[in-house]
């Protein structure tokens, strides 16, 4: 384990998509504050499902809440941007987003504001970690996930991460103690819409997920969680499919030929 003397020099930025008062974020703050200078820059209100979206058509207001803490009228990615460029007096050594109340597995990593904030940090060449607790229960203990986050933070601060790689960590509830490094799962859910009418007769829709695939690949994030193990998935910002790039490159001449029609 890294000595507390070394870790005490670290600056860690915390954000999330559940809002600055969320229990998961406060559990992270508590477990980290004895060995690092912790900064909190998080959304004023819940921003679940905002991915890496930015606020472009209205100002981003930052409300001071306490020493080194701000609540931001914006998205999780907004929080990271204003923290790095305006609010923090020192460059953070690590950005942690979470702990999200609910899993961010498989394709949900594309929609997640929790993962989106970590992606924004990685885009700025910051080591980044997205933390989620896989539970939908209204009252849960974030302590096990917070301990996992601290252990991961210690390793990142000691050994580093590859540039523009973030870790997406999901902790099961309950956790049986194991940890598996995993691939992101393929889609095993279907987006569904529940239709209804409001008191004025207008149609509305509630979006929800339906499980469609019982066969989960054994080396994936879902498989780890179903086995009661922590899932750690390294995600890279570069989504380019090199095989398709090489295979489809001959289409260039055909597409260019459209200009001569």
Protein backbone atom coordinates (compact mmCIF):
# COMPACT_ATOMS: atom_id res chain seq x y z
CA UNK A 1 0.00 0.00 0.00
CA UNK A 2 1.18 3.51 -0.79
CA UNK A 3 2.28 5.43 2.29
CA UNK A 4 -0.11 8.03 3.69
CA UNK A 5 2.68 10.60 3.39
CA UNK A 6 2.77 10.18 -0.39
CA UNK A 7 -0.99 10.00 -0.79
CA UNK A 8 -1.55 13.08 1.35
CA UNK A 9 -0.01 15.09 -1.47
CA UNK A 10 -2.65 13.93 -3.94
CA UNK A 11 -5.54 16.07 -5.14
CA UNK A 12 -8.70 14.15 -5.98
CA UNK A 13 -11.71 15.64 -7.75
CA UNK A 14 -15.08 14.04 -7.00
CA UNK A 15 -18.17 14.41 -9.16
CA UNK A 16 -21.26 12.33 -9.98
CA UNK A 17 -24.62 12.37 -11.76
CA UNK A 18 -26.84 11.83 -8.69
CA UNK A 19 -26.27 15.35 -7.36
CA UNK A 20 -23.89 16.97 -4.90
CA UNK A 21 -25.79 15.76 -1.84
CA UNK A 22 -25.98 12.10 -2.89
CA UNK A 23 -25.02 9.48 -0.31
CA UNK A 24 -22.63 7.73 -2.71
CA UNK A 25 -20.58 10.86 -3.32
CA UNK A 26 -20.43 11.64 0.41
CA UNK A 27 -19.29 8.07 1.16
CA UNK A 28 -16.43 8.60 -1.31
CA UNK A 29 -15.53 11.92 0.26
CA UNK A 30 -15.40 10.36 3.71
CA UNK A 31 -13.22 7.42 2.75
CA UNK A 32 -10.74 9.56 0.78
CA UNK A 33 -10.30 12.68 2.87
CA UNK A 34 -7.74 11.25 5.32
CA UNK A 35 -5.05 10.76 2.66
CA UNK A 36 -5.81 13.28 -0.08
CA UNK A 37 -7.09 16.79 -0.62
CA UNK A 38 -10.64 16.19 -1.86
CA UNK A 39 -12.53 18.61 -4.11
CA UNK A 40 -16.25 18.18 -4.83
CA UNK A 41 -17.73 19.66 -7.99
CA UNK A 42 -21.05 17.94 -8.70
CA UNK A 43 -24.41 18.71 -10.31
CA UNK A 44 -26.92 20.72 -8.31
CA UNK A 45 -29.66 18.22 -9.29
CA UNK A 46 -29.72 14.66 -10.59
CA UNK A 47 -28.31 14.26 -14.09
CA UNK A 48 -28.71 10.53 -14.70
CA UNK A 49 -28.62 9.49 -18.36
CA UNK A 50 -26.89 12.66 -19.56
CA UNK A 51 -23.79 10.77 -20.74
CA UNK A 52 -21.05 13.26 -21.74
CA UNK A 53 -23.46 16.01 -22.75
CA UNK A 54 -22.58 19.69 -22.32
CA UNK A 55 -24.61 22.79 -21.46
CA UNK A 56 -24.39 25.07 -24.49
CA UNK A 57 -27.51 27.25 -24.52
CA UNK A 58 -27.49 28.65 -21.01
CA UNK A 59 -24.82 29.71 -18.49
CA UNK A 60 -23.26 27.23 -16.09
CA UNK A 61 -23.74 28.56 -12.56
CA UNK A 62 -21.47 27.24 -9.79
CA UNK A 63 -22.80 27.55 -6.23
CA UNK A 64 -20.18 27.41 -3.43
CA UNK A 65 -21.40 24.89 -0.84
CA UNK A 66 -18.41 24.51 1.49
CA UNK A 67 -14.63 24.71 1.37
CA UNK A 68 -13.51 23.07 -1.90
CA UNK A 69 -17.14 22.20 -2.77
CA UNK A 70 -19.47 23.48 -5.49
CA UNK A 71 -22.93 22.53 -6.74
CA UNK A 72 -23.18 23.17 -10.47
CA UNK A 73 -26.23 23.96 -12.60
CA UNK A 74 -25.03 21.67 -15.35
CA UNK A 75 -24.16 18.15 -16.42
CA UNK A 76 -21.47 15.88 -14.96
CA UNK A 77 -19.20 16.69 -17.92
CA UNK A 78 -19.80 20.41 -17.29
CA UNK A 79 -18.68 19.86 -13.70
CA UNK A 80 -15.39 18.36 -14.80
CA UNK A 81 -14.73 21.15 -17.29
CA UNK A 82 -15.39 24.04 -14.90
CA UNK A 83 -13.48 22.25 -12.13
CA UNK A 84 -10.37 21.76 -14.25
CA UNK A 85 -10.40 25.20 -15.88
CA UNK A 86 -11.84 27.52 -13.24
CA UNK A 87 -12.55 26.16 -9.76
CA UNK A 88 -9.58 24.07 -8.65
CA UNK A 89 -6.45 25.91 -7.62
CA UNK A 90 -4.34 22.82 -8.28
CA UNK A 91 -4.45 20.21 -11.01
CA UNK A 92 -6.09 17.00 -9.74
CA UNK A 93 -4.09 13.79 -9.74
CA UNK A 94 -7.27 11.74 -10.14
CA UNK A 95 -10.93 12.26 -10.98
CA UNK A 96 -13.53 9.92 -9.48
CA UNK A 97 -17.16 9.98 -10.58
CA UNK A 98 -19.77 8.33 -8.34
CA UNK A 99 -20.63 6.35 -6.38
CA UNK A 100 -23.67 5.95 -8.62
CA UNK A 101 -26.80 4.42 -7.05
CA UNK A 102 -27.31 1.73 -9.68
CA UNK A 103 -25.09 -0.22 -12.05
CA UNK A 104 -23.48 1.09 -15.23
CA UNK A 105 -22.96 -2.14 -17.12
CA UNK A 106 -22.88 -3.04 -20.79
CA UNK A 107 -24.50 -0.50 -23.09
CA UNK A 108 -25.57 1.65 -20.14
CA UNK A 109 -22.00 2.94 -20.02
CA UNK A 110 -22.86 4.96 -23.17
CA UNK A 111 -25.81 6.69 -21.47
CA UNK A 112 -24.37 7.11 -17.98
CA UNK A 113 -23.61 10.56 -16.64
CA UNK A 114 -21.31 8.86 -14.13
CA UNK A 115 -19.20 7.33 -16.88
CA UNK A 116 -19.60 10.49 -18.98
CA UNK A 117 -17.86 12.59 -16.31
CA UNK A 118 -14.99 10.11 -16.17
CA UNK A 119 -14.75 10.19 -19.98
CA UNK A 120 -14.55 13.98 -19.88
CA UNK A 121 -11.68 13.74 -17.40
CA UNK A 122 -9.89 11.19 -19.59
CA UNK A 123 -10.41 13.50 -22.55
CA UNK A 124 -8.39 16.06 -20.58
CA UNK A 125 -5.66 13.44 -20.01
CA UNK A 126 -6.64 12.98 -16.35
CA UNK A 127 -6.62 9.53 -14.70
CA UNK A 128 -10.31 8.78 -14.18
CA UNK A 129 -12.50 6.28 -12.40
CA UNK A 130 -16.28 5.74 -12.63
CA UNK A 131 -17.79 4.03 -9.57
CA UNK A 132 -21.24 2.41 -9.38
CA UNK A 133 -23.09 0.27 -6.84
CA UNK A 134 -25.37 -2.28 -8.53
CA UNK A 135 -28.46 -1.92 -6.40
CA UNK A 136 -31.92 -0.45 -6.95
CA UNK A 137 -32.90 -0.64 -3.29
CA UNK A 138 -33.85 2.79 -1.90
CA UNK A 139 -31.53 2.41 1.10
CA UNK A 140 -28.10 0.86 0.59
CA UNK A 141 -24.66 0.96 2.21
CA UNK A 142 -22.05 2.57 -0.02
CA UNK A 143 -19.21 1.63 2.33
CA UNK A 144 -18.00 -1.49 0.44
CA UNK A 145 -17.96 0.40 -2.86
CA UNK A 146 -16.16 3.30 -1.21
CA UNK A 147 -13.46 0.91 0.05
CA UNK A 148 -13.06 -0.46 -3.48
CA UNK A 149 -12.74 3.10 -4.79
CA UNK A 150 -10.05 3.95 -2.27
CA UNK A 151 -8.06 0.83 -3.10
CA UNK A 152 -8.30 1.58 -6.82
CA UNK A 153 -7.33 5.21 -6.19
CA UNK A 154 -4.22 4.11 -4.31
CA UNK A 155 -3.17 1.87 -7.20
CA UNK A 156 -3.82 4.55 -9.83
CA UNK A 157 -1.87 7.15 -7.88
CA UNK A 158 1.01 4.71 -7.47
CA UNK A 159 1.12 3.07 -10.91
CA UNK A 160 -0.91 5.38 -13.17
CA UNK A 161 -3.26 4.56 -16.04
CA UNK A 162 -2.63 4.56 -19.79
CA UNK A 163 -3.44 7.92 -21.34
CA UNK A 164 -7.17 8.40 -22.09
CA UNK A 165 -8.12 5.12 -20.44
CA UNK A 166 -10.68 5.20 -17.63
CA UNK A 167 -11.83 2.45 -15.31
CA UNK A 168 -15.53 1.66 -15.08
CA UNK A 169 -15.97 -0.14 -11.75
CA UNK A 170 -19.24 -1.75 -10.69
CA UNK A 171 -19.71 -3.21 -7.21
CA UNK A 172 -22.41 -5.85 -6.63
CA UNK A 173 -24.84 -5.76 -3.73
CA UNK A 174 -24.06 -7.92 -1.87
CA UNK A 175 -20.37 -8.23 -2.70
CA UNK A 176 -18.80 -11.67 -2.16
CA UNK A 177 -15.24 -10.31 -2.10
CA UNK A 178 -13.95 -11.16 -5.58
CA UNK A 179 -12.71 -8.72 -8.23
CA UNK A 180 -12.65 -9.44 -11.96
CA UNK A 181 -11.23 -7.41 -14.83
CA UNK A 182 -13.86 -7.60 -17.55
CA UNK A 183 -14.95 -6.59 -21.02
CA UNK A 184 -17.99 -4.39 -21.51
CA UNK A 185 -20.98 -6.62 -22.20
CA UNK A 186 -22.93 -6.63 -25.42
CA UNK A 187 -26.53 -5.47 -25.17
CA UNK A 188 -28.62 -7.84 -23.02
CA UNK A 189 -31.55 -5.48 -22.43
CA UNK A 190 -34.25 -3.91 -24.57
CA UNK A 191 -35.46 -0.34 -24.18
CA UNK A 192 -39.19 -0.32 -23.51
CA UNK A 193 -41.80 2.45 -23.33
CA UNK A 194 -44.79 2.41 -21.03
CA UNK A 195 -47.56 4.63 -22.40
CA UNK A 196 -50.06 6.65 -20.37
CA UNK A 197 -52.24 9.76 -20.37
CA UNK A 198 -51.79 12.80 -18.14
CA UNK A 199 -54.80 14.66 -16.59
CA UNK A 200 -55.01 16.85 -19.71
CA UNK A 201 -55.21 13.87 -22.03
CA UNK A 202 -51.68 14.19 -23.37
CA UNK A 203 -49.79 11.01 -24.14
CA UNK A 204 -46.60 10.38 -22.20
CA UNK A 205 -44.02 7.59 -22.11
CA UNK A 206 -41.86 6.11 -19.33
CA UNK A 207 -38.62 4.56 -20.53
CA UNK A 208 -37.49 1.31 -18.88
CA UNK A 209 -35.33 -1.73 -19.61
CA UNK A 210 -36.33 -5.33 -20.19
CA UNK A 211 -33.89 -8.23 -19.89
CA UNK A 212 -33.81 -10.18 -23.17
CA UNK A 213 -30.70 -12.38 -23.02
CA UNK A 214 -29.98 -14.94 -20.32
CA UNK A 215 -26.67 -16.05 -21.88
CA UNK A 216 -24.08 -13.62 -20.58
CA UNK A 217 -20.51 -13.99 -21.84
CA UNK A 218 -18.32 -15.22 -18.97
CA UNK A 219 -15.59 -12.56 -19.17
CA UNK A 220 -17.92 -9.55 -19.13
CA UNK A 221 -19.07 -6.98 -16.59
CA UNK A 222 -22.56 -8.49 -16.21
CA UNK A 223 -21.09 -11.96 -15.60
CA UNK A 224 -18.88 -10.63 -12.80
CA UNK A 225 -21.78 -8.83 -11.10
CA UNK A 226 -24.07 -11.87 -11.38
CA UNK A 227 -21.29 -13.90 -9.69
CA UNK A 228 -21.10 -11.40 -6.84
CA UNK A 229 -17.70 -10.00 -7.89
CA UNK A 230 -16.59 -6.43 -8.52
CA UNK A 231 -16.30 -5.68 -12.24
CA UNK A 232 -13.40 -3.49 -13.41
CA UNK A 233 -13.61 -2.56 -17.11
CA UNK A 234 -10.88 -0.43 -18.73
CA UNK A 235 -12.47 1.84 -21.35
CA UNK A 236 -10.51 3.72 -24.02
CA UNK A 237 -11.71 6.96 -25.60
CA UNK A 238 -10.80 5.83 -29.12
CA UNK A 239 -13.86 3.95 -30.52
CA UNK A 240 -12.32 3.39 -33.97
CA UNK A 241 -12.73 -0.14 -35.30
CA UNK A 242 -9.39 -0.74 -37.01
CA UNK A 243 -10.55 -3.90 -38.81
CA UNK A 244 -13.45 -2.02 -40.43
CA UNK A 245 -11.19 0.94 -41.22
CA UNK A 246 -8.95 -1.31 -43.29
CA UNK A 247 -11.76 -3.43 -44.73
CA UNK A 248 -13.95 -0.54 -45.89
CA UNK A 249 -11.29 1.90 -47.09
CA UNK A 250 -11.85 0.94 -50.74
CA UNK A 251 -15.30 2.56 -50.52
CA UNK A 252 -13.53 5.93 -50.65
CA UNK A 253 -13.25 5.96 -54.45
CA UNK A 254 -16.93 5.11 -54.90
CA UNK A 255 -18.07 7.81 -52.50
CA UNK A 256 -15.76 10.34 -54.15
CA UNK A 257 -17.20 9.37 -57.50
CA UNK A 258 -20.58 10.69 -56.38
CA UNK A 259 -19.18 14.19 -56.84
CA UNK A 260 -18.96 13.58 -60.59
CA UNK A 261 -22.63 12.59 -61.00
